């Protein structure tokens, strides 16, 4: 699997489990999986598979 341009070895993992491992909050993330923007409502049912390509963007606020 490739995430944000980096090859990562994993068999199958839910997106929610992945972001929990990384300490990210789902409400502050946008996900593109295999060229498709995944709506936040679908995060719970999204599974990363071996040959997927994902871009994960985390939003940061500031002033």
N, C-alpha and C. Protein backbone atom coordinates (compact mmCIF):
# COMPACT_ATOMS: atom_id res chain seq x y z
N UNK A 1 0.84 -1.17 0.00
CA UNK A 1 0.00 0.00 0.00
C UNK A 1 0.89 1.23 0.00
N UNK A 2 0.41 2.28 -0.63
CA UNK A 2 1.13 3.54 -0.66
C UNK A 2 0.26 4.60 0.01
N UNK A 3 0.82 5.24 1.04
CA UNK A 3 0.11 6.30 1.75
C UNK A 3 0.97 7.56 1.69
N UNK A 4 0.39 8.62 1.14
CA UNK A 4 1.10 9.90 0.99
C UNK A 4 2.46 9.71 0.33
N UNK A 5 2.50 8.85 -0.70
CA UNK A 5 3.71 8.63 -1.47
C UNK A 5 4.70 7.67 -0.86
N UNK A 6 4.41 7.14 0.32
CA UNK A 6 5.32 6.22 1.02
C UNK A 6 4.76 4.81 1.01
N UNK A 7 5.59 3.84 0.58
CA UNK A 7 5.15 2.45 0.56
C UNK A 7 5.13 1.91 1.99
N UNK A 8 4.00 1.34 2.36
CA UNK A 8 3.81 0.79 3.69
C UNK A 8 3.36 -0.66 3.55
N UNK A 9 3.97 -1.55 4.30
CA UNK A 9 3.60 -2.95 4.27
C UNK A 9 2.46 -3.21 5.24
N UNK A 10 1.31 -3.57 4.69
CA UNK A 10 0.20 -4.01 5.52
C UNK A 10 -0.73 -4.85 4.67
N UNK A 11 -1.34 -5.81 5.29
CA UNK A 11 -2.23 -6.72 4.57
C UNK A 11 -3.59 -6.09 4.38
N UNK A 12 -4.30 -5.91 5.46
CA UNK A 12 -5.63 -5.30 5.42
C UNK A 12 -5.88 -4.66 6.77
N UNK A 13 -6.34 -3.41 6.75
CA UNK A 13 -6.53 -2.66 7.98
C UNK A 13 -7.62 -1.63 7.76
N UNK A 14 -8.47 -1.46 8.75
CA UNK A 14 -9.52 -0.45 8.59
C UNK A 14 -8.88 0.94 8.71
N UNK A 15 -9.47 1.89 8.00
CA UNK A 15 -8.97 3.26 8.05
C UNK A 15 -9.04 3.81 9.47
N UNK A 16 -10.12 3.50 10.17
CA UNK A 16 -10.29 3.98 11.55
C UNK A 16 -9.18 3.44 12.45
N UNK A 17 -8.82 2.17 12.28
CA UNK A 17 -7.72 1.59 13.06
C UNK A 17 -6.40 2.27 12.71
N UNK A 18 -6.19 2.52 11.43
CA UNK A 18 -4.95 3.16 10.98
C UNK A 18 -4.78 4.54 11.60
N UNK A 19 -5.82 5.38 11.53
CA UNK A 19 -5.67 6.73 12.08
C UNK A 19 -5.56 6.72 13.60
N UNK A 20 -6.19 5.74 14.24
CA UNK A 20 -6.05 5.61 15.70
C UNK A 20 -4.60 5.28 16.06
N UNK A 21 -3.97 4.40 15.29
CA UNK A 21 -2.56 4.05 15.52
C UNK A 21 -1.65 5.26 15.34
N UNK A 22 -2.02 6.15 14.43
CA UNK A 22 -1.22 7.34 14.15
C UNK A 22 -1.57 8.51 15.07
N UNK A 23 -2.60 8.34 15.91
CA UNK A 23 -3.00 9.39 16.84
C UNK A 23 -3.71 10.56 16.16
N UNK A 24 -4.37 10.28 15.03
CA UNK A 24 -5.09 11.32 14.28
C UNK A 24 -6.58 11.29 14.62
N UNK A 25 -7.24 12.42 14.44
CA UNK A 25 -8.68 12.52 14.70
C UNK A 25 -9.43 12.55 13.38
N UNK A 26 -10.42 11.69 13.23
CA UNK A 26 -11.14 11.56 11.95
C UNK A 26 -11.84 12.85 11.54
N UNK A 27 -12.25 13.67 12.50
CA UNK A 27 -12.95 14.91 12.15
C UNK A 27 -12.01 15.96 11.54
N UNK A 28 -10.69 15.73 11.62
CA UNK A 28 -9.72 16.68 11.08
C UNK A 28 -8.96 16.12 9.87
N UNK A 29 -9.54 15.10 9.23
CA UNK A 29 -8.84 14.40 8.14
C UNK A 29 -9.70 14.35 6.88
N UNK A 30 -9.00 14.45 5.75
CA UNK A 30 -9.61 14.17 4.45
C UNK A 30 -8.88 12.96 3.88
N UNK A 31 -9.61 12.08 3.21
CA UNK A 31 -9.03 10.86 2.67
C UNK A 31 -9.38 10.72 1.19
N UNK A 32 -8.33 10.48 0.39
CA UNK A 32 -8.50 10.09 -1.00
C UNK A 32 -7.96 8.68 -1.11
N UNK A 33 -8.77 7.76 -1.57
CA UNK A 33 -8.38 6.36 -1.69
C UNK A 33 -8.56 5.93 -3.13
N UNK A 34 -7.48 5.53 -3.76
CA UNK A 34 -7.49 5.08 -5.16
C UNK A 34 -8.15 6.10 -6.08
N UNK A 35 -7.84 7.38 -5.84
CA UNK A 35 -8.33 8.45 -6.70
C UNK A 35 -9.73 8.95 -6.39
N UNK A 36 -10.34 8.44 -5.32
CA UNK A 36 -11.70 8.83 -4.95
C UNK A 36 -11.69 9.46 -3.56
N UNK A 37 -12.32 10.63 -3.44
CA UNK A 37 -12.47 11.26 -2.12
C UNK A 37 -13.49 10.45 -1.34
N UNK A 38 -13.11 10.04 -0.13
CA UNK A 38 -14.00 9.23 0.71
C UNK A 38 -14.73 10.17 1.68
N UNK A 39 -16.06 10.20 1.63
CA UNK A 39 -16.81 11.02 2.58
C UNK A 39 -16.58 10.54 4.02
N UNK A 40 -16.54 11.46 4.95
CA UNK A 40 -16.30 11.13 6.36
C UNK A 40 -17.28 10.06 6.87
N UNK A 41 -18.50 10.09 6.37
CA UNK A 41 -19.50 9.12 6.81
C UNK A 41 -19.11 7.68 6.45
N UNK A 42 -18.21 7.52 5.47
CA UNK A 42 -17.76 6.18 5.03
C UNK A 42 -16.48 5.71 5.73
N UNK A 43 -15.88 6.56 6.57
CA UNK A 43 -14.62 6.19 7.22
C UNK A 43 -14.73 4.87 7.98
N UNK A 44 -15.82 4.67 8.71
CA UNK A 44 -15.99 3.46 9.53
C UNK A 44 -15.95 2.18 8.69
N UNK A 45 -16.39 2.26 7.44
CA UNK A 45 -16.48 1.07 6.59
C UNK A 45 -15.34 0.97 5.58
N UNK A 46 -14.37 1.88 5.65
CA UNK A 46 -13.27 1.90 4.70
C UNK A 46 -12.15 0.98 5.17
N UNK A 47 -11.76 0.07 4.29
CA UNK A 47 -10.69 -0.88 4.60
C UNK A 47 -9.53 -0.64 3.64
N UNK A 48 -8.32 -0.47 4.18
CA UNK A 48 -7.13 -0.37 3.36
C UNK A 48 -6.72 -1.78 2.97
N UNK A 49 -6.41 -1.95 1.68
CA UNK A 49 -5.96 -3.25 1.17
C UNK A 49 -4.56 -3.11 0.61
N UNK A 50 -3.92 -4.23 0.39
CA UNK A 50 -2.51 -4.30 0.02
C UNK A 50 -2.12 -3.41 -1.17
N UNK A 51 -2.92 -3.36 -2.21
CA UNK A 51 -2.54 -2.62 -3.42
C UNK A 51 -3.17 -1.23 -3.53
N UNK A 52 -3.73 -0.71 -2.44
CA UNK A 52 -4.36 0.60 -2.45
C UNK A 52 -3.33 1.73 -2.45
N UNK A 53 -3.80 2.89 -2.91
CA UNK A 53 -3.02 4.13 -2.83
C UNK A 53 -3.91 5.17 -2.15
N UNK A 54 -3.38 5.78 -1.10
CA UNK A 54 -4.16 6.74 -0.33
C UNK A 54 -3.38 8.02 -0.10
N UNK A 55 -4.11 9.11 -0.04
CA UNK A 55 -3.58 10.40 0.39
C UNK A 55 -4.41 10.81 1.59
N UNK A 56 -3.74 11.10 2.69
CA UNK A 56 -4.41 11.52 3.92
C UNK A 56 -3.93 12.92 4.25
N UNK A 57 -4.87 13.83 4.39
CA UNK A 57 -4.55 15.23 4.71
C UNK A 57 -5.16 15.54 6.07
N UNK A 58 -4.34 16.08 6.96
CA UNK A 58 -4.79 16.47 8.29
C UNK A 58 -4.87 18.00 8.34
N UNK A 59 -6.00 18.51 8.76
CA UNK A 59 -6.20 19.95 8.85
C UNK A 59 -5.71 20.47 10.18
N UNK A 60 -5.05 21.62 10.11
CA UNK A 60 -4.51 22.27 11.30
C UNK A 60 -5.03 23.69 11.35
N UNK A 61 -5.57 24.07 12.49
CA UNK A 61 -6.09 25.43 12.64
C UNK A 61 -5.01 26.34 13.22
N UNK A 62 -5.22 27.59 13.06
CA UNK A 62 -4.26 28.54 13.60
C UNK A 62 -4.81 29.96 13.46
N UNK A 63 -4.08 30.86 13.99
CA UNK A 63 -4.58 32.24 13.93
C UNK A 63 -3.53 33.24 13.63
